Amino acid sequence: MTNLQSVPTIEVQDLVFGYPQQQPVLAGISFTLQPGERVALLGLTGAGKSTLLENLIGLKMPQSGEIRVQGRKLEPATLSQARRLIGFCFQDANDQLFMPTILEDVMFGPRNYGVPPGVARDRALSLLDEFGLVEFANRSAHELSGGQRRLAALAAILALEPAILILDEPTNGLDPSWRRHLASVLSQLPIEVILIASHNLNWIGKTTQRALVLADGEIKIDRKTKDLLADKSTLEYYNLPPDW
């Protein structure tokens, strides 16, 4: 019998993805994410971080290689199951906020999965309160600041109670106090795996324990975050200075 404890939450094997008439953006990516891990995905702008994340949730499909989510191969027939497990927060919060009010935005996912209206509303209000947005519950996303929209989009993802959380540049538009608050919220989430693509090395050092560096279409570095951040020569080599 298979030991379920030994099954990686996400397993990527020899993943290749490229756009037509171009060199592959991802050229044989392999890594695993185990239950309990908080992992950073680092790399220069244009290195393919967002492309990799979008492959993990099936928004883009690789030319070759394999992705498994909780042991199940990611393919058209299993996409809906995988997306039920994974909460994905885009770089641009406007891609996720489209209802008349942010309360309705945060309720939308749970209601779509059959959660009763009262339960969905209570869950949404609790999350908005956690992010300091409850007073804006009946306003549209367009009335919020960029940082507030980003927090509302994250609340909408967390309302689905995902097992896996993938965040693409979550601190964009957040001031220092809200970056600190977001780090505190993430540290307390009962989520199996969190994967964060970010340019903010200082914040990543406080929110992850493991770091992957993507360059030239490959995972070049896989180390403990604190060890990587202390290795100034390696950071400089990959154009990731600490004050970047």
C-alpha atoms as a PDB file:
ATOM      1  CA  MET A   1       0.000   0.000   0.000  1.00  0.00           C
ATOM      2  CA  THR A   2       1.241   3.530  -0.823  1.00  0.00           C
ATOM      3  CA  ASN A   3       2.255   5.637   2.156  1.00  0.00           C
ATOM      4  CA  LEU A   4       0.294   8.830   1.637  1.00  0.00           C
ATOM      5  CA  GLN A   5       2.704  10.716   3.907  1.00  0.00           C
ATOM      6  CA  SER A   6       5.459  10.116   1.348  1.00  0.00           C
ATOM      7  CA  VAL A   7       3.567  11.638  -1.585  1.00  0.00           C
ATOM      8  CA  PRO A   8       4.876  15.122  -2.477  1.00  0.00           C
ATOM      9  CA  THR A   9       2.263  17.864  -2.532  1.00  0.00           C
ATOM     10  CA  ILE A  10       3.616  19.016  -5.909  1.00  0.00           C
ATOM     11  CA  GLU A  11       6.064  17.088  -8.075  1.00  0.00           C
ATOM     12  CA  VAL A  12       7.533  18.507 -11.291  1.00  0.00           C
ATOM     13  CA  GLN A  13       9.581  16.274 -13.575  1.00  0.00           C
ATOM     14  CA  ASP A  14      11.510  17.442 -16.664  1.00  0.00           C
ATOM     15  CA  LEU A  15       9.038  20.223 -17.447  1.00  0.00           C
ATOM     16  CA  VAL A  16       9.587  21.919 -20.812  1.00  0.00           C
ATOM     17  CA  PHE A  17       7.524  24.887 -21.960  1.00  0.00           C
ATOM     18  CA  GLY A  18       8.097  27.348 -24.773  1.00  0.00           C
ATOM     19  CA  TYR A  19       6.209  29.771 -26.957  1.00  0.00           C
ATOM     20  CA  PRO A  20       6.022  29.214 -30.734  1.00  0.00           C
ATOM     21  CA  GLN A  21       9.186  30.133 -32.658  1.00  0.00           C
ATOM     22  CA  GLN A  22      11.107  30.815 -29.425  1.00  0.00           C
ATOM     23  CA  GLN A  23      13.626  29.051 -27.223  1.00  0.00           C
ATOM     24  CA  PRO A  24      11.971  27.178 -24.330  1.00  0.00           C
ATOM     25  CA  VAL A  25      11.246  29.397 -21.342  1.00  0.00           C
ATOM     26  CA  LEU A  26      11.393  26.322 -19.104  1.00  0.00           C
ATOM     27  CA  ALA A  27      13.984  23.778 -20.192  1.00  0.00           C
ATOM     28  CA  GLY A  28      13.694  20.646 -18.081  1.00  0.00           C
ATOM     29  CA  ILE A  29      12.478  21.855 -14.684  1.00  0.00           C
ATOM     30  CA  SER A  30      12.344  19.297 -11.850  1.00  0.00           C
ATOM     31  CA  PHE A  31      11.556  19.787  -8.154  1.00  0.00           C
ATOM     32  CA  THR A  32       9.213  18.578  -5.428  1.00  0.00           C
ATOM     33  CA  LEU A  33       7.317  20.447  -2.727  1.00  0.00           C
ATOM     34  CA  GLN A  34       6.612  18.470   0.423  1.00  0.00           C
ATOM     35  CA  PRO A  35       3.819  19.001   2.975  1.00  0.00           C
ATOM     36  CA  GLY A  36       4.696  21.792   5.384  1.00  0.00           C
ATOM     37  CA  GLU A  37       7.101  23.616   3.070  1.00  0.00           C
ATOM     38  CA  ARG A  38       7.152  27.385   2.498  1.00  0.00           C
ATOM     39  CA  VAL A  39       9.196  27.936  -0.669  1.00  0.00           C
ATOM     40  CA  ALA A  40      10.427  31.002  -2.547  1.00  0.00           C
ATOM     41  CA  LEU A  41      10.792  31.130  -6.326  1.00  0.00           C
ATOM     42  CA  LEU A  42      13.432  33.704  -7.230  1.00  0.00           C
ATOM     43  CA  GLY A  43      14.818  34.975 -10.517  1.00  0.00           C
ATOM     44  CA  LEU A  44      15.171  38.029 -12.682  1.00  0.00           C
ATOM     45  CA  THR A  45      12.191  39.589 -14.429  1.00  0.00           C
ATOM     46  CA  GLY A  46      11.659  37.521 -17.567  1.00  0.00           C
ATOM     47  CA  ALA A  47      13.247  34.386 -16.123  1.00  0.00           C
ATOM     48  CA  GLY A  48       9.947  32.507 -16.424  1.00  0.00           C
ATOM     49  CA  LYS A  49       8.688  32.521 -12.839  1.00  0.00           C
ATOM     50  CA  SER A  50       5.105  33.427 -13.748  1.00  0.00           C
ATOM     51  CA  THR A  51       5.187  30.972 -16.660  1.00  0.00           C
ATOM     52  CA  LEU A  52       6.225  28.187 -14.286  1.00  0.00           C
ATOM     53  CA  LEU A  53       3.481  29.068 -11.806  1.00  0.00           C
ATOM     54  CA  GLU A  54       0.888  29.118 -14.591  1.00  0.00           C
ATOM     55  CA  ASN A  55       2.020  25.640 -15.670  1.00  0.00           C
ATOM     56  CA  LEU A  56       1.475  24.400 -12.113  1.00  0.00           C
ATOM     57  CA  ILE A  57      -2.226  25.295 -12.276  1.00  0.00           C
ATOM     58  CA  GLY A  58      -2.788  24.333 -15.900  1.00  0.00           C
ATOM     59  CA  LEU A  59      -3.191  27.824 -17.350  1.00  0.00           C
ATOM     60  CA  LYS A  60      -0.350  26.825 -19.647  1.00  0.00           C
ATOM     61  CA  MET A  61       0.368  23.245 -20.673  1.00  0.00           C
ATOM     62  CA  PRO A  62       3.954  22.006 -21.113  1.00  0.00           C
ATOM     63  CA  GLN A  63       5.352  20.557 -24.312  1.00  0.00           C
ATOM     64  CA  SER A  64       6.840  17.710 -22.283  1.00  0.00           C
ATOM     65  CA  GLY A  65       7.402  16.605 -18.728  1.00  0.00           C
ATOM     66  CA  GLU A  66       4.945  16.005 -15.953  1.00  0.00           C
ATOM     67  CA  ILE A  67       3.323  17.783 -13.016  1.00  0.00           C
ATOM     68  CA  ARG A  68       1.649  15.888 -10.179  1.00  0.00           C
ATOM     69  CA  VAL A  69      -0.534  17.472  -7.515  1.00  0.00           C
ATOM     70  CA  GLN A  70      -0.938  15.291  -4.423  1.00  0.00           C
ATOM     71  CA  GLY A  71       0.143  12.334  -6.554  1.00  0.00           C
ATOM     72  CA  ARG A  72      -2.321  12.953  -9.390  1.00  0.00           C
ATOM     73  CA  LYS A  73      -0.967  13.844 -12.828  1.00  0.00           C
ATOM     74  CA  LEU A  74      -2.032  17.287 -14.024  1.00  0.00           C
ATOM     75  CA  GLU A  75      -3.853  16.898 -17.337  1.00  0.00           C
ATOM     76  CA  PRO A  76      -7.127  18.115 -18.852  1.00  0.00           C
ATOM     77  CA  ALA A  77      -9.144  15.425 -17.089  1.00  0.00           C
ATOM     78  CA  THR A  78      -7.776  16.361 -13.640  1.00  0.00           C
ATOM     79  CA  LEU A  79      -7.544  20.146 -13.972  1.00  0.00           C
ATOM     80  CA  SER A  80     -10.734  20.902 -12.051  1.00  0.00           C
ATOM     81  CA  GLN A  81      -9.623  18.724  -9.129  1.00  0.00           C
ATOM     82  CA  ALA A  82      -6.176  20.356  -9.027  1.00  0.00           C
ATOM     83  CA  ARG A  83      -7.610  23.856  -9.169  1.00  0.00           C
ATOM     84  CA  ARG A  84      -9.883  23.022  -6.243  1.00  0.00           C
ATOM     85  CA  LEU A  85      -6.745  22.257  -4.218  1.00  0.00           C
ATOM     86  CA  ILE A  86      -4.613  25.205  -5.384  1.00  0.00           C
ATOM     87  CA  GLY A  87      -5.223  28.847  -4.581  1.00  0.00           C
ATOM     88  CA  PHE A  88      -3.413  31.040  -7.121  1.00  0.00           C
ATOM     89  CA  CYS A  89      -2.967  34.778  -6.691  1.00  0.00           C
ATOM     90  CA  PHE A  90      -1.976  36.622  -9.882  1.00  0.00           C
ATOM     91  CA  GLN A  91       0.474  39.523 -10.031  1.00  0.00           C
ATOM     92  CA  ASP A  92      -2.354  41.834 -11.086  1.00  0.00           C
ATOM     93  CA  ALA A  93      -5.172  41.761  -8.548  1.00  0.00           C
ATOM     94  CA  ASN A  94      -7.544  43.194 -11.169  1.00  0.00           C
ATOM     95  CA  ASP A  95      -7.468  39.786 -12.881  1.00  0.00           C
ATOM     96  CA  GLN A  96      -9.310  38.328  -9.878  1.00  0.00           C
ATOM     97  CA  LEU A  97     -11.682  41.085  -8.766  1.00  0.00           C
ATOM     98  CA  PHE A  98     -14.718  41.536 -11.004  1.00  0.00           C
ATOM     99  CA  MET A  99     -17.854  41.612  -8.837  1.00  0.00           C
ATOM    100  CA  PRO A 100     -19.690  44.844  -7.881  1.00  0.00           C
ATOM    101  CA  THR A 101     -18.217  44.773  -4.340  1.00  0.00           C
ATOM    102  CA  ILE A 102     -15.199  43.133  -2.748  1.00  0.00           C
ATOM    103  CA  LEU A 103     -17.491  41.283  -0.339  1.00  0.00           C
ATOM    104  CA  GLU A 104     -19.104  39.628  -3.357  1.00  0.00           C
ATOM    105  CA  ASP A 105     -15.660  38.970  -4.821  1.00  0.00           C
ATOM    106  CA  VAL A 106     -14.583  37.100  -1.689  1.00  0.00           C
ATOM    107  CA  MET A 107     -17.889  35.213  -1.508  1.00  0.00           C
ATOM    108  CA  PHE A 108     -17.836  34.271  -5.198  1.00  0.00           C
ATOM    109  CA  GLY A 109     -15.547  31.225  -5.008  1.00  0.00           C
ATOM    110  CA  PRO A 110     -17.245  29.546  -2.042  1.00  0.00           C
ATOM    111  CA  ARG A 111     -20.704  30.198  -3.490  1.00  0.00           C
ATOM    112  CA  ASN A 112     -19.533  28.717  -6.794  1.00  0.00           C
ATOM    113  CA  TYR A 113     -18.629  25.531  -4.902  1.00  0.00           C
ATOM    114  CA  GLY A 114     -21.988  25.344  -3.162  1.00  0.00           C
ATOM    115  CA  VAL A 115     -21.178  26.915   0.205  1.00  0.00           C
ATOM    116  CA  PRO A 116     -24.412  28.320   1.717  1.00  0.00           C
ATOM    117  CA  PRO A 117     -24.761  32.120   1.393  1.00  0.00           C
ATOM    118  CA  GLY A 118     -24.613  32.791   5.131  1.00  0.00           C
ATOM    119  CA  VAL A 119     -21.497  30.676   5.615  1.00  0.00           C
ATOM    120  CA  ALA A 120     -19.827  32.248   2.581  1.00  0.00           C
ATOM    121  CA  ARG A 121     -20.647  35.742   3.846  1.00  0.00           C
ATOM    122  CA  ASP A 122     -19.314  35.054   7.352  1.00  0.00           C
ATOM    123  CA  ARG A 123     -16.119  33.581   5.909  1.00  0.00           C
ATOM    124  CA  ALA A 124     -15.673  36.560   3.589  1.00  0.00           C
ATOM    125  CA  LEU A 125     -16.234  39.147   6.326  1.00  0.00           C
ATOM    126  CA  SER A 126     -13.800  37.358   8.639  1.00  0.00           C
ATOM    127  CA  LEU A 127     -11.083  37.437   5.961  1.00  0.00           C
ATOM    128  CA  LEU A 128     -11.745  41.065   5.074  1.00  0.00           C
ATOM    129  CA  ASP A 129     -11.500  41.914   8.763  1.00  0.00           C
ATOM    130  CA  GLU A 130      -8.190  40.018   8.988  1.00  0.00           C
ATOM    131  CA  PHE A 131      -6.829  42.144   6.145  1.00  0.00           C
ATOM    132  CA  GLY A 132      -8.206  45.412   7.487  1.00  0.00           C
ATOM    133  CA  LEU A 133     -10.696  45.745   4.645  1.00  0.00           C
ATOM    134  CA  VAL A 134     -14.032  45.060   6.331  1.00  0.00           C
ATOM    135  CA  GLU A 135     -15.001  48.746   6.228  1.00  0.00           C
ATOM    136  CA  PHE A 136     -14.648  48.588   2.427  1.00  0.00           C
ATOM    137  CA  ALA A 137     -16.722  45.399   2.063  1.00  0.00           C
ATOM    138  CA  ASN A 138     -19.461  47.112   0.050  1.00  0.00           C
ATOM    139  CA  ARG A 139     -17.149  49.092  -2.197  1.00  0.00           C
ATOM    140  CA  SER A 140     -15.904  48.057  -5.620  1.00  0.00           C
ATOM    141  CA  ALA A 141     -12.280  47.077  -6.149  1.00  0.00           C
ATOM    142  CA  HIS A 142     -11.802  50.207  -8.274  1.00  0.00           C
ATOM    143  CA  GLU A 143     -12.311  52.349  -5.161  1.00  0.00           C
ATOM    144  CA  LEU A 144      -9.410  50.682  -3.325  1.00  0.00           C
ATOM    145  CA  SER A 145      -5.695  51.370  -3.470  1.00  0.00           C
ATOM    146  CA  GLY A 146      -3.441  48.961  -5.331  1.00  0.00           C
ATOM    147  CA  GLY A 147      -2.284  47.377  -2.081  1.00  0.00           C
ATOM    148  CA  GLN A 148      -5.844  47.008  -0.821  1.00  0.00           C
ATOM    149  CA  ARG A 149      -6.879  45.332  -4.088  1.00  0.00           C
ATOM    150  CA  ARG A 150      -4.019  42.865  -3.706  1.00  0.00           C
ATOM    151  CA  LEU A 151      -5.155  41.985  -0.186  1.00  0.00           C
ATOM    152  CA  ALA A 152      -8.771  41.631  -1.341  1.00  0.00           C
ATOM    153  CA  ALA A 153      -7.652  39.263  -4.112  1.00  0.00           C
ATOM    154  CA  LEU A 154      -5.755  37.155  -1.581  1.00  0.00           C
ATOM    155  CA  ALA A 155      -8.817  37.081   0.687  1.00  0.00           C
ATOM    156  CA  ALA A 156     -10.867  35.814  -2.271  1.00  0.00           C
ATOM    157  CA  ILE A 157      -8.379  32.965  -2.747  1.00  0.00           C
ATOM    158  CA  LEU A 158      -8.230  32.063   0.949  1.00  0.00           C
ATOM    159  CA  ALA A 159     -12.043  31.958   1.100  1.00  0.00           C
ATOM    160  CA  LEU A 160     -11.797  28.773  -0.960  1.00  0.00           C
ATOM    161  CA  GLU A 161      -9.719  27.180   1.826  1.00  0.00           C
ATOM    162  CA  PRO A 162      -7.103  25.748  -0.559  1.00  0.00           C
ATOM    163  CA  ALA A 163      -4.570  23.079   0.427  1.00  0.00           C
ATOM    164  CA  ILE A 164      -1.861  24.787  -1.655  1.00  0.00           C
ATOM    165  CA  LEU A 165      -1.241  28.516  -2.017  1.00  0.00           C
ATOM    166  CA  ILE A 166       0.734  29.977  -4.939  1.00  0.00           C
ATOM    167  CA  LEU A 167       1.473  33.708  -4.847  1.00  0.00           C
ATOM    168  CA  ASP A 168       2.964  35.723  -7.700  1.00  0.00           C
ATOM    169  CA  GLU A 169       4.656  38.887  -6.354  1.00  0.00           C
ATOM    170  CA  PRO A 170       2.260  39.238  -3.392  1.00  0.00           C
ATOM    171  CA  THR A 171       3.975  42.298  -1.858  1.00  0.00           C
ATOM    172  CA  ASN A 172       3.652  44.506  -4.947  1.00  0.00           C
ATOM    173  CA  GLY A 173       1.899  47.709  -3.918  1.00  0.00           C
ATOM    174  CA  LEU A 174       1.990  46.967  -0.179  1.00  0.00           C
ATOM    175  CA  ASP A 175       3.595  49.394   2.239  1.00  0.00           C
ATOM    176  CA  PRO A 176       5.952  48.019   4.943  1.00  0.00           C
ATOM    177  CA  SER A 177       3.264  47.673   7.614  1.00  0.00           C
ATOM    178  CA  TRP A 178       1.041  45.619   5.326  1.00  0.00           C
ATOM    179  CA  ARG A 179       3.979  43.487   4.135  1.00  0.00           C
ATOM    180  CA  ARG A 180       4.646  42.684   7.779  1.00  0.00           C
ATOM    181  CA  HIS A 181       0.958  41.931   8.383  1.00  0.00           C
ATOM    182  CA  LEU A 182       0.783  39.700   5.306  1.00  0.00           C
ATOM    183  CA  ALA A 183       3.833  37.754   6.522  1.00  0.00           C
ATOM    184  CA  SER A 184       2.089  37.236   9.875  1.00  0.00           C
ATOM    185  CA  VAL A 185      -1.127  36.028   8.210  1.00  0.00           C
ATOM    186  CA  LEU A 186       0.750  33.586   5.948  1.00  0.00           C
ATOM    187  CA  SER A 187       2.675  32.144   8.898  1.00  0.00           C
ATOM    188  CA  GLN A 188      -0.598  31.124  10.572  1.00  0.00           C
ATOM    189  CA  LEU A 189      -2.448  29.645   7.601  1.00  0.00           C
ATOM    190  CA  PRO A 190      -3.359  25.934   7.861  1.00  0.00           C
ATOM    191  CA  ILE A 191      -2.138  25.325   4.312  1.00  0.00           C
ATOM    192  CA  GLU A 192      -0.116  22.326   3.156  1.00  0.00           C
ATOM    193  CA  VAL A 193       2.350  24.163   0.876  1.00  0.00           C
ATOM    194  CA  ILE A 194       2.981  27.814   0.033  1.00  0.00           C
ATOM    195  CA  LEU A 195       5.022  28.769  -3.059  1.00  0.00           C
ATOM    196  CA  ILE A 196       5.879  32.449  -3.484  1.00  0.00           C
ATOM    197  CA  ALA A 197       7.467  34.150  -6.487  1.00  0.00           C
ATOM    198  CA  SER A 198       8.919  37.455  -5.355  1.00  0.00           C
ATOM    199  CA  HIS A 199      11.618  40.061  -5.917  1.00  0.00           C
ATOM    200  CA  ASN A 200      11.488  41.133  -2.269  1.00  0.00           C
ATOM    201  CA  LEU A 201      14.381  39.174  -0.748  1.00  0.00           C
ATOM    202  CA  ASN A 202      14.050  40.735   2.687  1.00  0.00           C
ATOM    203  CA  TRP A 203      10.377  39.719   2.912  1.00  0.00           C
ATOM    204  CA  ILE A 204      11.072  36.261   1.438  1.00  0.00           C
ATOM    205  CA  GLY A 205      13.655  35.727   4.166  1.00  0.00           C
ATOM    206  CA  LYS A 206      10.888  36.124   6.744  1.00  0.00           C
ATOM    207  CA  THR A 207       8.231  34.006   5.029  1.00  0.00           C
ATOM    208  CA  THR A 208       9.995  30.984   3.480  1.00  0.00           C
ATOM    209  CA  GLN A 209      12.452  28.306   4.533  1.00  0.00           C
ATOM    210  CA  ARG A 210      13.551  27.082   1.099  1.00  0.00           C
ATOM    211  CA  ALA A 211      14.446  28.962  -2.072  1.00  0.00           C
ATOM    212  CA  LEU A 212      14.584  27.977  -5.734  1.00  0.00           C
ATOM    213  CA  VAL A 213      16.444  30.197  -8.204  1.00  0.00           C
ATOM    214  CA  LEU A 214      15.228  30.065 -11.810  1.00  0.00           C
ATOM    215  CA  ALA A 215      17.692  31.146 -14.520  1.00  0.00           C
ATOM    216  CA  ASP A 216      18.230  30.161 -18.165  1.00  0.00           C
ATOM    217  CA  GLY A 217      15.102  28.005 -18.030  1.00  0.00           C
ATOM    218  CA  GLU A 218      16.422  25.819 -15.213  1.00  0.00           C
ATOM    219  CA  ILE A 219      16.349  25.603 -11.427  1.00  0.00           C
ATOM    220  CA  LYS A 220      19.949  26.572 -10.716  1.00  0.00           C
ATOM    221  CA  ILE A 221      19.761  26.784  -6.923  1.00  0.00           C
ATOM    222  CA  ASP A 222      17.726  24.833  -4.356  1.00  0.00           C
ATOM    223  CA  ARG A 223      18.832  25.808  -0.839  1.00  0.00           C
ATOM    224  CA  LYS A 224      17.585  26.920   2.530  1.00  0.00           C
ATOM    225  CA  THR A 225      16.440  30.520   2.194  1.00  0.00           C
ATOM    226  CA  LYS A 226      18.577  31.776   5.071  1.00  0.00           C
ATOM    227  CA  ASP A 227      21.697  30.120   3.620  1.00  0.00           C
ATOM    228  CA  LEU A 228      21.100  31.583   0.173  1.00  0.00           C
ATOM    229  CA  LEU A 229      20.476  35.082   1.523  1.00  0.00           C
ATOM    230  CA  ALA A 230      23.732  34.880   3.473  1.00  0.00           C
ATOM    231  CA  ASP A 231      25.649  33.893   0.321  1.00  0.00           C
ATOM    232  CA  LYS A 232      26.248  37.331  -1.192  1.00  0.00           C
ATOM    233  CA  SER A 233      28.479  36.072  -4.021  1.00  0.00           C
ATOM    234  CA  THR A 234      25.815  33.651  -5.290  1.00  0.00           C
ATOM    235  CA  LEU A 235      23.137  36.333  -5.088  1.00  0.00           C
ATOM    236  CA  GLU A 236      25.338  38.724  -7.075  1.00  0.00           C
ATOM    237  CA  TYR A 237      26.134  36.026  -9.645  1.00  0.00           C
ATOM    238  CA  TYR A 238      22.424  35.584 -10.339  1.00  0.00           C
ATOM    239  CA  ASN A 239      21.809  39.343 -10.215  1.00  0.00           C
ATOM    240  CA  LEU A 240      19.834  39.046  -6.999  1.00  0.00           C
ATOM    241  CA  PRO A 241      21.509  41.569  -4.697  1.00  0.00           C
ATOM    242  CA  PRO A 242      19.885  41.724  -1.235  1.00  0.00           C
ATOM    243  CA  ASP A 243      18.754  45.321  -1.781  1.00  0.00           C
ATOM    244  CA  TRP A 244      17.137  44.460  -5.142  1.00  0.00           C
END
